[in-house]
Amino acid sequence: MPGWTYWYVVLFWPSLAIVAGLCVWKGDAPTKLAAAIFAAGMLVSKALTPSDMFSHLEVGIATVDATLAILLTGLCMRCPRLWLILLAAIQIAACLGHASRMLGMQHSRLTYAILTGSAGYPALIVLCCGLIGSIRSRTILKSRRV
């Protein structure tokens, strides 16, 4: 496995902690809720990951991913924001890897891991965009009041 993949995996958890912490600290209610949902889902997925990862359909991780997709889609319906829609779409795309395995498609373990796990960093970037939008809208509202 190339060396960069090690850092790709290792740096995800500190990045998640920083982004989720900033969202909870500085974000508005939808940003805080989306960050909490995403962080909780990632932690539960990590806890459910077996030692023989991705050699067969990961039912626990598929369930967590589907639950995340449903919760984020529900949040989109409550608070329709572009970044939330994109976050839900990223999570739905991650679920497609599980769906392909359920349909009997044979992938290598690495392919299945990439199909289901590569959405983490794009989701963090989208959460950052949501946080920036939240901070900007709050700043604009404050400047209009003065």
Foldseek 3Di string as FASTA:
>chain_A
DDPVVVVVVVVLVVLLVVLLVLCCVQFDDLLNVLSVLVVVLVVQLVVQADPVGQPAQSVSNLVSLVVNLVVLVVSCVVPVDPLSVVLSVLSVQLNVLNVCRVVPDDDPSVVSCCRNPVSRVVNSVSSVVNSVVRNVVVVVVVVVVD
